[in-house]
Amino acid sequence: MATTGEKPGKGTYGCRNCGQSVTLDDHSDKMPPCPRCAHTEFN
């Protein structure tokens, strides 16, 4: 599980609340809050 503010690495993560996908393109990118519902936990 990744949470907002962490740097989980490159990949696509799904919001645990609404399922919205968030893609990080670089290992230094920080996980943002979900753009759809502002939830902070991702799978």
PDB file of N, CA and C in Angstrom:
ATOM      1  N   MET A   1       0.845  -1.177   0.000  1.00  0.00           N
ATOM      2  CA  MET A   1       0.000   0.000   0.000  1.00  0.00           C
ATOM      3  C   MET A   1       0.887   1.236   0.000  1.00  0.00           C
ATOM      4  N   ALA A   2       0.522   2.195  -0.804  1.00  0.00           N
ATOM      5  CA  ALA A   2       1.222   3.477  -0.856  1.00  0.00           C
ATOM      6  C   ALA A   2       0.280   4.560  -0.336  1.00  0.00           C
ATOM      7  N   THR A   3       0.843   5.559   0.313  1.00  0.00           N
ATOM      8  CA  THR A   3       0.033   6.673   0.796  1.00  0.00           C
ATOM      9  C   THR A   3       0.576   7.991   0.255  1.00  0.00           C
ATOM     10  N   THR A   4      -0.277   8.990   0.239  1.00  0.00           N
ATOM     11  CA  THR A   4       0.095  10.312  -0.254  1.00  0.00           C
ATOM     12  C   THR A   4       1.353  10.810   0.451  1.00  0.00           C
ATOM     13  N   GLY A   5       2.286  11.339  -0.340  1.00  0.00           N
ATOM     14  CA  GLY A   5       3.539  11.868   0.188  1.00  0.00           C
ATOM     15  C   GLY A   5       4.696  10.892   0.096  1.00  0.00           C
ATOM     16  N   GLU A   6       4.412   9.603  -0.050  1.00  0.00           N
ATOM     17  CA  GLU A   6       5.467   8.608  -0.184  1.00  0.00           C
ATOM     18  C   GLU A   6       6.008   8.589  -1.612  1.00  0.00           C
ATOM     19  N   LYS A   7       7.164   7.953  -1.766  1.00  0.00           N
ATOM     20  CA  LYS A   7       7.767   7.746  -3.090  1.00  0.00           C
ATOM     21  C   LYS A   7       7.797   6.244  -3.345  1.00  0.00           C
ATOM     22  N   PRO A   8       6.674   5.669  -3.807  1.00  0.00           N
ATOM     23  CA  PRO A   8       6.608   4.220  -3.968  1.00  0.00           C
ATOM     24  C   PRO A   8       7.299   3.679  -5.214  1.00  0.00           C
ATOM     25  N   GLY A   9       7.758   4.552  -6.090  1.00  0.00           N
ATOM     26  CA  GLY A   9       8.433   4.115  -7.307  1.00  0.00           C
ATOM     27  C   GLY A   9       7.534   4.199  -8.529  1.00  0.00           C
ATOM     28  N   LYS A  10       8.149   3.956  -9.686  1.00  0.00           N
ATOM     29  CA  LYS A  10       7.408   4.024 -10.950  1.00  0.00           C
ATOM     30  C   LYS A  10       6.297   2.986 -10.958  1.00  0.00           C
ATOM     31  N   GLY A  11       5.172   3.352 -11.576  1.00  0.00           N
ATOM     32  CA  GLY A  11       4.089   2.393 -11.710  1.00  0.00           C
ATOM     33  C   GLY A  11       2.733   3.066 -11.684  1.00  0.00           C
ATOM     34  N   THR A  12       1.701   2.244 -11.808  1.00  0.00           N
ATOM     35  CA  THR A  12       0.334   2.724 -11.761  1.00  0.00           C
ATOM     36  C   THR A  12      -0.309   2.178 -10.496  1.00  0.00           C
ATOM     37  N   TYR A  13      -0.938   3.048  -9.757  1.00  0.00           N
ATOM     38  CA  TYR A  13      -1.539   2.712  -8.473  1.00  0.00           C
ATOM     39  C   TYR A  13      -3.027   3.032  -8.518  1.00  0.00           C
ATOM     40  N   GLY A  14      -3.825   2.223  -7.831  1.00  0.00           N
ATOM     41  CA  GLY A  14      -5.263   2.422  -7.811  1.00  0.00           C
ATOM     42  C   GLY A  14      -5.726   2.918  -6.455  1.00  0.00           C
ATOM     43  N   CYS A  15      -6.556   3.944  -6.456  1.00  0.00           N
ATOM     44  CA  CYS A  15      -7.106   4.493  -5.221  1.00  0.00           C
ATOM     45  C   CYS A  15      -7.917   3.416  -4.510  1.00  0.00           C
ATOM     46  N   ARG A  16      -7.713   3.266  -3.219  1.00  0.00           N
ATOM     47  CA  ARG A  16      -8.447   2.256  -2.450  1.00  0.00           C
ATOM     48  C   ARG A  16      -9.886   2.667  -2.196  1.00  0.00           C
ATOM     49  N   ASN A  17     -10.210   3.930  -2.413  1.00  0.00           N
ATOM     50  CA  ASN A  17     -11.575   4.407  -2.188  1.00  0.00           C
ATOM     51  C   ASN A  17     -12.428   4.326  -3.449  1.00  0.00           C
ATOM     52  N   CYS A  18     -11.929   4.891  -4.568  1.00  0.00           N
ATOM     53  CA  CYS A  18     -12.763   4.985  -5.771  1.00  0.00           C
ATOM     54  C   CYS A  18     -12.212   4.222  -6.972  1.00  0.00           C
ATOM     55  N   GLY A  19     -10.966   3.734  -6.889  1.00  0.00           N
ATOM     56  CA  GLY A  19     -10.398   2.972  -7.992  1.00  0.00           C
ATOM     57  C   GLY A  19      -9.682   3.785  -9.056  1.00  0.00           C
ATOM     58  N   GLN A  20      -9.667   5.099  -8.935  1.00  0.00           N
ATOM     59  CA  GLN A  20      -8.979   5.966  -9.899  1.00  0.00           C
ATOM     60  C   GLN A  20      -7.505   5.584  -9.977  1.00  0.00           C
ATOM     61  N   SER A  21      -6.969   5.482 -11.187  1.00  0.00           N
ATOM     62  CA  SER A  21      -5.560   5.157 -11.379  1.00  0.00           C
ATOM     63  C   SER A  21      -4.701   6.418 -11.336  1.00  0.00           C
ATOM     64  N   VAL A  22      -3.544   6.277 -10.702  1.00  0.00           N
ATOM     65  CA  VAL A  22      -2.537   7.343 -10.663  1.00  0.00           C
ATOM     66  C   VAL A  22      -1.234   6.715 -11.128  1.00  0.00           C
ATOM     67  N   THR A  23      -0.609   7.300 -12.153  1.00  0.00           N
ATOM     68  CA  THR A  23       0.642   6.771 -12.687  1.00  0.00           C
ATOM     69  C   THR A  23       1.800   7.690 -12.298  1.00  0.00           C
ATOM     70  N   LEU A  24       2.835   7.083 -11.732  1.00  0.00           N
ATOM     71  CA  LEU A  24       4.064   7.813 -11.412  1.00  0.00           C
ATOM     72  C   LEU A  24       5.115   7.407 -12.437  1.00  0.00           C
ATOM     73  N   ASP A  25       5.757   8.395 -13.054  1.00  0.00           N
ATOM     74  CA  ASP A  25       6.696   8.149 -14.143  1.00  0.00           C
ATOM     75  C   ASP A  25       8.150   8.075 -13.710  1.00  0.00           C
ATOM     76  N   ASP A  26       8.451   8.420 -12.475  1.00  0.00           N
ATOM     77  CA  ASP A  26       9.834   8.467 -12.026  1.00  0.00           C
ATOM     78  C   ASP A  26       9.913   7.967 -10.587  1.00  0.00           C
ATOM     79  N   HIS A  27      11.042   7.376 -10.219  1.00  0.00           N
ATOM     80  CA  HIS A  27      11.210   6.873  -8.856  1.00  0.00           C
ATOM     81  C   HIS A  27      11.213   7.984  -7.812  1.00  0.00           C
ATOM     82  N   SER A  28      11.454   9.234  -8.233  1.00  0.00           N
ATOM     83  CA  SER A  28      11.494  10.343  -7.278  1.00  0.00           C
ATOM     84  C   SER A  28      10.138  11.043  -7.131  1.00  0.00           C
ATOM     85  N   ASP A  29       9.124  10.621  -7.915  1.00  0.00           N
ATOM     86  CA  ASP A  29       7.794  11.237  -7.816  1.00  0.00           C
ATOM     87  C   ASP A  29       7.116  10.862  -6.502  1.00  0.00           C
ATOM     88  N   LYS A  30       6.466  11.845  -5.881  1.00  0.00           N
ATOM     89  CA  LYS A  30       5.693  11.592  -4.664  1.00  0.00           C
ATOM     90  C   LYS A  30       4.248  11.292  -5.032  1.00  0.00           C
ATOM     91  N   MET A  31       3.646  10.388  -4.285  1.00  0.00           N
ATOM     92  CA  MET A  31       2.250  10.024  -4.503  1.00  0.00           C
ATOM     93  C   MET A  31       1.355  11.213  -4.129  1.00  0.00           C
ATOM     94  N   PRO A  32       0.534  11.658  -5.080  1.00  0.00           N
ATOM     95  CA  PRO A  32      -0.391  12.745  -4.788  1.00  0.00           C
ATOM     96  C   PRO A  32      -1.669  12.186  -4.162  1.00  0.00           C
ATOM     97  N   PRO A  33      -2.534  13.047  -3.632  1.00  0.00           N
ATOM     98  CA  PRO A  33      -3.857  12.548  -3.257  1.00  0.00           C
ATOM     99  C   PRO A  33      -4.617  12.163  -4.526  1.00  0.00           C
ATOM    100  N   CYS A  34      -5.618  11.332  -4.394  1.00  0.00           N
ATOM    101  CA  CYS A  34      -6.404  10.910  -5.548  1.00  0.00           C
ATOM    102  C   CYS A  34      -7.015  12.125  -6.232  1.00  0.00           C
ATOM    103  N   PRO A  35      -6.853  12.222  -7.570  1.00  0.00           N
ATOM    104  CA  PRO A  35      -7.405  13.379  -8.279  1.00  0.00           C
ATOM    105  C   PRO A  35      -8.932  13.371  -8.348  1.00  0.00           C
ATOM    106  N   ARG A  36      -9.546  12.225  -8.127  1.00  0.00           N
ATOM    107  CA  ARG A  36     -11.010  12.144  -8.197  1.00  0.00           C
ATOM    108  C   ARG A  36     -11.674  12.393  -6.831  1.00  0.00           C
ATOM    109  N   CYS A  37     -11.146  11.754  -5.763  1.00  0.00           N
ATOM    110  CA  CYS A  37     -11.841  11.818  -4.468  1.00  0.00           C
ATOM    111  C   CYS A  37     -10.981  12.327  -3.323  1.00  0.00           C
ATOM    112  N   ALA A  38      -9.694  12.623  -3.584  1.00  0.00           N
ATOM    113  CA  ALA A  38      -8.742  13.137  -2.588  1.00  0.00           C
ATOM    114  C   ALA A  38      -8.374  12.135  -1.512  1.00  0.00           C
ATOM    115  N   HIS A  39      -8.674  10.839  -1.732  1.00  0.00           N
ATOM    116  CA  HIS A  39      -8.274   9.794  -0.780  1.00  0.00           C
ATOM    117  C   HIS A  39      -6.755   9.683  -0.796  1.00  0.00           C
ATOM    118  N   THR A  40      -6.157   9.121   0.237  1.00  0.00           N
ATOM    119  CA  THR A  40      -4.693   9.110   0.362  1.00  0.00           C
ATOM    120  C   THR A  40      -4.060   7.724   0.393  1.00  0.00           C
ATOM    121  N   GLU A  41      -4.829   6.651   0.152  1.00  0.00           N
ATOM    122  CA  GLU A  41      -4.262   5.303   0.169  1.00  0.00           C
ATOM    123  C   GLU A  41      -4.474   4.623  -1.187  1.00  0.00           C
ATOM    124  N   PHE A  42      -3.411   3.968  -1.673  1.00  0.00           N
ATOM    125  CA  PHE A  42      -3.416   3.360  -3.000  1.00  0.00           C
ATOM    126  C   PHE A  42      -2.867   1.944  -2.935  1.00  0.00           C
ATOM    127  N   ASN A  43      -3.334   1.094  -3.838  1.00  0.00           N
ATOM    128  CA  ASN A  43      -2.802  -0.267  -4.001  1.00  0.00           C
ATOM    129  C   ASN A  43      -1.889  -0.298  -5.197  1.00  0.00           C
TER     130      ASN A  43
END
